């Protein structure tokens, strides 16, 4: 039993060495940067989708307005009995 406790203590002491702390900090920083990049990519894709959707909506509205104008023009040209 005493041997296992000693191993645990030495393992916990090893994780607090300056090198281990520096390695942990580097890993945490890499994770942070990766999350930051992933967030930026997600936001960029979301923005592109939003712009594309808006363009499609604008095109749909323009087509509807054009059809409405044609319809009104035909009503003016075509005599009603």
PDB file of N, CA and C in Angstrom:
ATOM      1  N   UNK A   1       0.814  -1.192   0.000  1.00  0.00           N
ATOM      2  CA  UNK A   1       0.000   0.000   0.000  1.00  0.00           C
ATOM      3  C   UNK A   1       0.859   1.259   0.000  1.00  0.00           C
ATOM      4  N   UNK A   2       1.921   1.241   0.809  1.00  0.00           N
ATOM      5  CA  UNK A   2       2.766   2.427   0.922  1.00  0.00           C
ATOM      6  C   UNK A   2       3.411   2.754  -0.420  1.00  0.00           C
ATOM      7  N   UNK A   3       3.741   1.724  -1.186  1.00  0.00           N
ATOM      8  CA  UNK A   3       4.362   1.949  -2.486  1.00  0.00           C
ATOM      9  C   UNK A   3       3.429   2.665  -3.454  1.00  0.00           C
ATOM     10  N   UNK A   4       2.151   2.280  -3.438  1.00  0.00           N
ATOM     11  CA  UNK A   4       1.185   2.918  -4.339  1.00  0.00           C
ATOM     12  C   UNK A   4       0.969   4.374  -3.965  1.00  0.00           C
ATOM     13  N   UNK A   5       0.911   4.667  -2.684  1.00  0.00           N
ATOM     14  CA  UNK A   5       0.729   6.048  -2.245  1.00  0.00           C
ATOM     15  C   UNK A   5       1.931   6.879  -2.662  1.00  0.00           C
ATOM     16  N   UNK A   6       3.094   6.321  -2.527  1.00  0.00           N
ATOM     17  CA  UNK A   6       4.304   7.019  -2.938  1.00  0.00           C
ATOM     18  C   UNK A   6       4.304   7.298  -4.432  1.00  0.00           C
ATOM     19  N   UNK A   7       3.792   6.344  -5.214  1.00  0.00           N
ATOM     20  CA  UNK A   7       3.717   6.550  -6.661  1.00  0.00           C
ATOM     21  C   UNK A   7       2.743   7.671  -6.996  1.00  0.00           C
ATOM     22  N   UNK A   8       1.626   7.725  -6.291  1.00  0.00           N
ATOM     23  CA  UNK A   8       0.651   8.792  -6.538  1.00  0.00           C
ATOM     24  C   UNK A   8       1.263  10.150  -6.226  1.00  0.00           C
ATOM     25  N   UNK A   9       1.974  10.239  -5.105  1.00  0.00           N
ATOM     26  CA  UNK A   9       2.585  11.509  -4.731  1.00  0.00           C
ATOM     27  C   UNK A   9       3.618  11.945  -5.765  1.00  0.00           C
ATOM     28  N   UNK A  10       4.431  11.016  -6.216  1.00  0.00           N
ATOM     29  CA  UNK A  10       5.444  11.390  -7.196  1.00  0.00           C
ATOM     30  C   UNK A  10       4.793  11.766  -8.527  1.00  0.00           C
ATOM     31  N   UNK A  11       3.680  11.130  -8.868  1.00  0.00           N
ATOM     32  CA  UNK A  11       2.976  11.474 -10.104  1.00  0.00           C
ATOM     33  C   UNK A  11       2.372  12.865  -9.998  1.00  0.00           C
ATOM     34  N   UNK A  12       1.795  13.196  -8.858  1.00  0.00           N
ATOM     35  CA  UNK A  12       1.207  14.525  -8.705  1.00  0.00           C
ATOM     36  C   UNK A  12       2.300  15.590  -8.639  1.00  0.00           C
ATOM     37  N   UNK A  13       3.434  15.247  -8.076  1.00  0.00           N
ATOM     38  CA  UNK A  13       4.538  16.196  -8.036  1.00  0.00           C
ATOM     39  C   UNK A  13       5.106  16.410  -9.439  1.00  0.00           C
ATOM     40  N   UNK A  14       5.119  15.362 -10.224  1.00  0.00           N
ATOM     41  CA  UNK A  14       5.650  15.475 -11.579  1.00  0.00           C
ATOM     42  C   UNK A  14       4.789  16.418 -12.419  1.00  0.00           C
ATOM     43  N   UNK A  15       3.480  16.443 -12.171  1.00  0.00           N
ATOM     44  CA  UNK A  15       2.605  17.289 -12.974  1.00  0.00           C
ATOM     45  C   UNK A  15       2.710  18.758 -12.583  1.00  0.00           C
ATOM     46  N   UNK A  16       3.384  19.049 -11.473  1.00  0.00           N
ATOM     47  CA  UNK A  16       3.539  20.447 -11.063  1.00  0.00           C
ATOM     48  C   UNK A  16       4.929  20.991 -11.371  1.00  0.00           C
ATOM     49  N   UNK A  17       5.723  20.230 -12.088  1.00  0.00           N
ATOM     50  CA  UNK A  17       7.038  20.741 -12.466  1.00  0.00           C
ATOM     51  C   UNK A  17       6.841  21.863 -13.482  1.00  0.00           C
ATOM     52  N   UNK A  18       7.778  22.779 -13.555  1.00  0.00           N
ATOM     53  CA  UNK A  18       7.638  23.885 -14.518  1.00  0.00           C
ATOM     54  C   UNK A  18       7.447  23.402 -15.958  1.00  0.00           C
ATOM     55  N   UNK A  19       8.130  22.327 -16.321  1.00  0.00           N
ATOM     56  CA  UNK A  19       7.997  21.801 -17.680  1.00  0.00           C
ATOM     57  C   UNK A  19       6.590  21.274 -17.927  1.00  0.00           C
ATOM     58  N   UNK A  20       6.051  20.544 -16.938  1.00  0.00           N
ATOM     59  CA  UNK A  20       4.704  19.992 -17.084  1.00  0.00           C
ATOM     60  C   UNK A  20       3.665  21.110 -17.111  1.00  0.00           C
ATOM     61  N   UNK A  21       3.856  22.118 -16.285  1.00  0.00           N
ATOM     62  CA  UNK A  21       2.928  23.248 -16.279  1.00  0.00           C
ATOM     63  C   UNK A  21       2.986  24.000 -17.608  1.00  0.00           C
ATOM     64  N   UNK A  22       4.198  24.156 -18.126  1.00  0.00           N
ATOM     65  CA  UNK A  22       4.350  24.829 -19.415  1.00  0.00           C
ATOM     66  C   UNK A  22       3.675  24.028 -20.523  1.00  0.00           C
ATOM     67  N   UNK A  23       3.837  22.706 -20.489  1.00  0.00           N
ATOM     68  CA  UNK A  23       3.199  21.839 -21.484  1.00  0.00           C
ATOM     69  C   UNK A  23       1.676  21.928 -21.376  1.00  0.00           C
ATOM     70  N   UNK A  24       1.168  21.930 -20.154  1.00  0.00           N
ATOM     71  CA  UNK A  24      -0.283  22.051 -19.954  1.00  0.00           C
ATOM     72  C   UNK A  24      -0.784  23.396 -20.466  1.00  0.00           C
ATOM     73  N   UNK A  25      -0.029  24.448 -20.203  1.00  0.00           N
ATOM     74  CA  UNK A  25      -0.412  25.773 -20.686  1.00  0.00           C
ATOM     75  C   UNK A  25      -0.423  25.809 -22.209  1.00  0.00           C
ATOM     76  N   UNK A  26       0.593  25.211 -22.836  1.00  0.00           N
ATOM     77  CA  UNK A  26       0.653  25.177 -24.298  1.00  0.00           C
ATOM     78  C   UNK A  26      -0.547  24.429 -24.873  1.00  0.00           C
ATOM     79  N   UNK A  27      -0.899  23.294 -24.250  1.00  0.00           N
ATOM     80  CA  UNK A  27      -2.048  22.527 -24.725  1.00  0.00           C
ATOM     81  C   UNK A  27      -3.338  23.325 -24.561  1.00  0.00           C
ATOM     82  N   UNK A  28      -3.496  23.986 -23.419  1.00  0.00           N
ATOM     83  CA  UNK A  28      -4.693  24.798 -23.182  1.00  0.00           C
ATOM     84  C   UNK A  28      -4.761  25.939 -24.192  1.00  0.00           C
ATOM     85  N   UNK A  29      -3.628  26.553 -24.475  1.00  0.00           N
ATOM     86  CA  UNK A  29      -3.588  27.647 -25.447  1.00  0.00           C
ATOM     87  C   UNK A  29      -3.932  27.142 -26.850  1.00  0.00           C
ATOM     88  N   UNK A  30      -3.423  25.966 -27.219  1.00  0.00           N
ATOM     89  CA  UNK A  30      -3.734  25.389 -28.528  1.00  0.00           C
ATOM     90  C   UNK A  30      -5.226  25.088 -28.648  1.00  0.00           C
ATOM     91  N   UNK A  31      -5.817  24.577 -27.576  1.00  0.00           N
ATOM     92  CA  UNK A  31      -7.255  24.305 -27.576  1.00  0.00           C
ATOM     93  C   UNK A  31      -8.026  25.608 -27.731  1.00  0.00           C
ATOM     94  N   UNK A  32      -7.606  26.643 -27.002  1.00  0.00           N
ATOM     95  CA  UNK A  32      -8.263  27.946 -27.089  1.00  0.00           C
ATOM     96  C   UNK A  32      -8.193  28.498 -28.509  1.00  0.00           C
ATOM     97  N   UNK A  33      -7.022  28.432 -29.118  1.00  0.00           N
ATOM     98  CA  UNK A  33      -6.852  28.940 -30.485  1.00  0.00           C
ATOM     99  C   UNK A  33      -7.700  28.122 -31.464  1.00  0.00           C
ATOM    100  N   UNK A  34      -7.730  26.808 -31.284  1.00  0.00           N
ATOM    101  CA  UNK A  34      -8.540  25.960 -32.163  1.00  0.00           C
ATOM    102  C   UNK A  34     -10.021  26.313 -32.042  1.00  0.00           C
ATOM    103  N   UNK A  35     -10.490  26.545 -30.829  1.00  0.00           N
ATOM    104  CA  UNK A  35     -11.889  26.941 -30.631  1.00  0.00           C
ATOM    105  C   UNK A  35     -12.163  28.306 -31.248  1.00  0.00           C
ATOM    106  N   UNK A  36     -11.207  29.201 -31.126  1.00  0.00           N
ATOM    107  CA  UNK A  36     -11.349  30.533 -31.711  1.00  0.00           C
ATOM    108  C   UNK A  36     -11.441  30.446 -33.237  1.00  0.00           C
ATOM    109  N   UNK A  37     -10.587  29.644 -33.832  1.00  0.00           N
ATOM    110  CA  UNK A  37     -10.602  29.458 -35.290  1.00  0.00           C
ATOM    111  C   UNK A  37     -11.912  28.797 -35.726  1.00  0.00           C
ATOM    112  N   UNK A  38     -12.346  27.772 -34.992  1.00  0.00           N
ATOM    113  CA  UNK A  38     -13.600  27.096 -35.330  1.00  0.00           C
ATOM    114  C   UNK A  38     -14.778  28.063 -35.248  1.00  0.00           C
ATOM    115  N   UNK A  39     -14.778  28.919 -34.244  1.00  0.00           N
ATOM    116  CA  UNK A  39     -15.845  29.912 -34.104  1.00  0.00           C
ATOM    117  C   UNK A  39     -15.828  30.888 -35.272  1.00  0.00           C
ATOM    118  N   UNK A  40     -14.645  31.323 -35.669  1.00  0.00           N
ATOM    119  CA  UNK A  40     -14.529  32.250 -36.798  1.00  0.00           C
ATOM    120  C   UNK A  40     -15.018  31.596 -38.088  1.00  0.00           C
ATOM    121  N   UNK A  41     -14.665  30.348 -38.297  1.00  0.00           N
ATOM    122  CA  UNK A  41     -15.109  29.630 -39.496  1.00  0.00           C
ATOM    123  C   UNK A  41     -16.626  29.478 -39.485  1.00  0.00           C
ATOM    124  N   UNK A  42     -17.181  29.104 -38.332  1.00  0.00           N
ATOM    125  CA  UNK A  42     -18.629  28.951 -38.205  1.00  0.00           C
ATOM    126  C   UNK A  42     -19.339  30.272 -38.497  1.00  0.00           C
ATOM    127  N   UNK A  43     -18.832  31.360 -37.937  1.00  0.00           N
ATOM    128  CA  UNK A  43     -19.448  32.678 -38.153  1.00  0.00           C
ATOM    129  C   UNK A  43     -19.359  33.079 -39.621  1.00  0.00           C
ATOM    130  N   UNK A  44     -18.234  32.775 -40.258  1.00  0.00           N
ATOM    131  CA  UNK A  44     -18.056  33.105 -41.671  1.00  0.00           C
ATOM    132  C   UNK A  44     -19.042  32.329 -42.541  1.00  0.00           C
ATOM    133  N   UNK A  45     -19.188  31.047 -42.274  1.00  0.00           N
ATOM    134  CA  UNK A  45     -20.128  30.221 -43.039  1.00  0.00           C
ATOM    135  C   UNK A  45     -21.556  30.711 -42.818  1.00  0.00           C
ATOM    136  N   UNK A  46     -21.886  31.025 -41.578  1.00  0.00           N
ATOM    137  CA  UNK A  46     -23.224  31.528 -41.263  1.00  0.00           C
ATOM    138  C   UNK A  46     -23.490  32.832 -42.016  1.00  0.00           C
ATOM    139  N   UNK A  47     -22.502  33.702 -42.067  1.00  0.00           N
ATOM    140  CA  UNK A  47     -22.643  34.975 -42.778  1.00  0.00           C
ATOM    141  C   UNK A  47     -22.846  34.743 -44.279  1.00  0.00           C
ATOM    142  N   UNK A  48     -22.074  33.826 -44.853  1.00  0.00           N
ATOM    143  CA  UNK A  48     -22.219  33.529 -46.279  1.00  0.00           C
ATOM    144  C   UNK A  48     -23.605  32.977 -46.594  1.00  0.00           C
ATOM    145  N   UNK A  49     -24.095  32.089 -45.745  1.00  0.00           N
ATOM    146  CA  UNK A  49     -25.433  31.521 -45.947  1.00  0.00           C
ATOM    147  C   UNK A  49     -26.487  32.614 -45.845  1.00  0.00           C
ATOM    148  N   UNK A  50     -26.318  33.501 -44.887  1.00  0.00           N
ATOM    149  CA  UNK A  50     -27.268  34.599 -44.705  1.00  0.00           C
ATOM    150  C   UNK A  50     -27.290  35.512 -45.933  1.00  0.00           C
ATOM    151  N   UNK A  51     -26.113  35.855 -46.436  1.00  0.00           N
ATOM    152  CA  UNK A  51     -26.036  36.707 -47.634  1.00  0.00           C
ATOM    153  C   UNK A  51     -26.682  36.032 -48.833  1.00  0.00           C
ATOM    154  N   UNK A  52     -26.418  34.733 -48.987  1.00  0.00           N
ATOM    155  CA  UNK A  52     -26.989  33.992 -50.110  1.00  0.00           C
ATOM    156  C   UNK A  52     -28.514  33.947 -49.996  1.00  0.00           C
ATOM    157  N   UNK A  53     -29.017  33.705 -48.806  1.00  0.00           N
ATOM    158  CA  UNK A  53     -30.467  33.677 -48.589  1.00  0.00           C
ATOM    159  C   UNK A  53     -31.087  35.032 -48.904  1.00  0.00           C
ATOM    160  N   UNK A  54     -30.414  36.100 -48.509  1.00  0.00           N
ATOM    161  CA  UNK A  54     -30.928  37.442 -48.783  1.00  0.00           C
ATOM    162  C   UNK A  54     -30.954  37.720 -50.280  1.00  0.00           C
ATOM    163  N   UNK A  55     -29.911  37.289 -51.000  1.00  0.00           N
ATOM    164  CA  UNK A  55     -29.891  37.464 -52.450  1.00  0.00           C
ATOM    165  C   UNK A  55     -31.038  36.707 -53.117  1.00  0.00           C
ATOM    166  N   UNK A  56     -31.282  35.478 -52.647  1.00  0.00           N
ATOM    167  CA  UNK A  56     -32.385  34.701 -53.211  1.00  0.00           C
ATOM    168  C   UNK A  56     -33.725  35.375 -52.938  1.00  0.00           C
ATOM    169  N   UNK A  57     -33.893  35.897 -51.734  1.00  0.00           N
ATOM    170  CA  UNK A  57     -35.127  36.597 -51.386  1.00  0.00           C
ATOM    171  C   UNK A  57     -35.303  37.846 -52.246  1.00  0.00           C
ATOM    172  N   UNK A  58     -34.225  38.600 -52.436  1.00  0.00           N
ATOM    173  CA  UNK A  58     -34.285  39.795 -53.284  1.00  0.00           C
ATOM    174  C   UNK A  58     -34.659  39.432 -54.720  1.00  0.00           C
ATOM    175  N   UNK A  59     -34.074  38.357 -55.220  1.00  0.00           N
ATOM    176  CA  UNK A  59     -34.375  37.916 -56.583  1.00  0.00           C
ATOM    177  C   UNK A  59     -35.844  37.496 -56.695  1.00  0.00           C
ATOM    178  N   UNK A  60     -36.326  36.773 -55.695  1.00  0.00           N
ATOM    179  CA  UNK A  60     -37.723  36.337 -55.683  1.00  0.00           C
ATOM    180  C   UNK A  60     -38.662  37.546 -55.670  1.00  0.00           C
ATOM    181  N   UNK A  61     -38.337  38.547 -54.864  1.00  0.00           N
ATOM    182  CA  UNK A  61     -39.163  39.752 -54.795  1.00  0.00           C
ATOM    183  C   UNK A  61     -39.121  40.522 -56.115  1.00  0.00           C
ATOM    184  N   UNK A  62     -37.960  40.576 -56.750  1.00  0.00           N
ATOM    185  CA  UNK A  62     -37.838  41.272 -58.035  1.00  0.00           C
ATOM    186  C   UNK A  62     -38.670  40.575 -59.105  1.00  0.00           C
ATOM    187  N   UNK A  63     -38.643  39.250 -59.118  1.00  0.00           N
ATOM    188  CA  UNK A  63     -39.434  38.498 -60.095  1.00  0.00           C
ATOM    189  C   UNK A  63     -40.922  38.723 -59.846  1.00  0.00           C
ATOM    190  N   UNK A  64     -41.326  38.710 -58.580  1.00  0.00           N
ATOM    191  CA  UNK A  64     -42.737  38.945 -58.246  1.00  0.00           C
ATOM    192  C   UNK A  64     -43.162  40.354 -58.662  1.00  0.00           C
ATOM    193  N   UNK A  65     -42.318  41.343 -58.435  1.00  0.00           N
ATOM    194  CA  UNK A  65     -42.632  42.721 -58.821  1.00  0.00           C
ATOM    195  C   UNK A  65     -42.722  42.847 -60.338  1.00  0.00           C
ATOM    196  N   UNK A  66     -41.832  42.160 -61.043  1.00  0.00           N
ATOM    197  CA  UNK A  66     -41.854  42.196 -62.506  1.00  0.00           C
ATOM    198  C   UNK A  66     -43.133  41.562 -63.038  1.00  0.00           C
ATOM    199  N   UNK A  67     -43.528  40.429 -62.467  1.00  0.00           N
ATOM    200  CA  UNK A  67     -44.767  39.778 -62.893  1.00  0.00           C
ATOM    201  C   UNK A  67     -45.969  40.669 -62.597  1.00  0.00           C
ATOM    202  N   UNK A  68     -45.956  41.329 -61.451  1.00  0.00           N
ATOM    203  CA  UNK A  68     -47.045  42.234 -61.084  1.00  0.00           C
ATOM    204  C   UNK A  68     -47.131  43.397 -62.074  1.00  0.00           C
ATOM    205  N   UNK A  69     -45.976  43.943 -62.436  1.00  0.00           N
ATOM    206  CA  UNK A  69     -45.946  45.053 -63.397  1.00  0.00           C
ATOM    207  C   UNK A  69     -46.460  44.600 -64.757  1.00  0.00           C
ATOM    208  N   UNK A  70     -46.068  43.417 -65.193  1.00  0.00           N
ATOM    209  CA  UNK A  70     -46.546  42.883 -66.471  1.00  0.00           C
ATOM    210  C   UNK A  70     -48.054  42.671 -66.430  1.00  0.00           C
ATOM    211  N   UNK A  71     -48.525  42.152 -65.326  1.00  0.00           N
ATOM    212  CA  UNK A  71     -49.956  41.909 -65.163  1.00  0.00           C
ATOM    213  C   UNK A  71     -50.740  43.219 -65.220  1.00  0.00           C
ATOM    214  N   UNK A  72     -50.237  44.236 -64.529  1.00  0.00           N
ATOM    215  CA  UNK A  72     -50.910  45.539 -64.546  1.00  0.00           C
ATOM    216  C   UNK A  72     -50.884  46.154 -65.944  1.00  0.00           C
ATOM    217  N   UNK A  73     -49.774  45.981 -66.641  1.00  0.00           N
ATOM    218  CA  UNK A  73     -49.661  46.504 -68.004  1.00  0.00           C
ATOM    219  C   UNK A  73     -50.649  45.806 -68.927  1.00  0.00           C
ATOM    220  N   UNK A  74     -50.764  44.485 -68.802  1.00  0.00           N
ATOM    221  CA  UNK A  74     -51.711  43.735 -69.626  1.00  0.00           C
ATOM    222  C   UNK A  74     -53.147  44.162 -69.327  1.00  0.00           C
ATOM    223  N   UNK A  75     -53.442  44.452 -68.075  1.00  0.00           N
ATOM    224  CA  UNK A  75     -54.788  44.905 -67.713  1.00  0.00           C
ATOM    225  C   UNK A  75     -55.099  46.244 -68.373  1.00  0.00           C
ATOM    226  N   UNK A  76     -54.111  47.114 -68.467  1.00  0.00           N
ATOM    227  CA  UNK A  76     -54.311  48.425 -69.093  1.00  0.00           C
ATOM    228  C   UNK A  76     -54.474  48.294 -70.600  1.00  0.00           C
ATOM    229  N   UNK A  77     -53.700  47.389 -71.199  1.00  0.00           N
ATOM    230  CA  UNK A  77     -53.717  47.225 -72.653  1.00  0.00           C
ATOM    231  C   UNK A  77     -54.964  46.467 -73.102  1.00  0.00           C
ATOM    232  N   UNK A  78     -55.295  45.420 -72.395  1.00  0.00           N
ATOM    233  CA  UNK A  78     -56.417  44.573 -72.782  1.00  0.00           C
ATOM    234  C   UNK A  78     -57.733  45.251 -72.402  1.00  0.00           C
ATOM    235  N   UNK A  79     -58.582  45.459 -73.387  1.00  0.00           N
ATOM    236  CA  UNK A  79     -59.874  46.085 -73.066  1.00  0.00           C
ATOM    237  C   UNK A  79     -60.774  45.088 -72.335  1.00  0.00           C
ATOM    238  N   UNK A  80     -61.485  45.594 -71.342  1.00  0.00           N
ATOM    239  CA  UNK A  80     -62.409  44.737 -70.605  1.00  0.00           C
ATOM    240  C   UNK A  80     -63.804  44.905 -71.195  1.00  0.00           C
ATOM    241  N   UNK A  81     -64.493  43.809 -71.437  1.00  0.00           N
ATOM    242  CA  UNK A  81     -65.822  43.892 -72.069  1.00  0.00           C
ATOM    243  C   UNK A  81     -66.881  44.460 -71.131  1.00  0.00           C
TER     244      UNK A  81
END
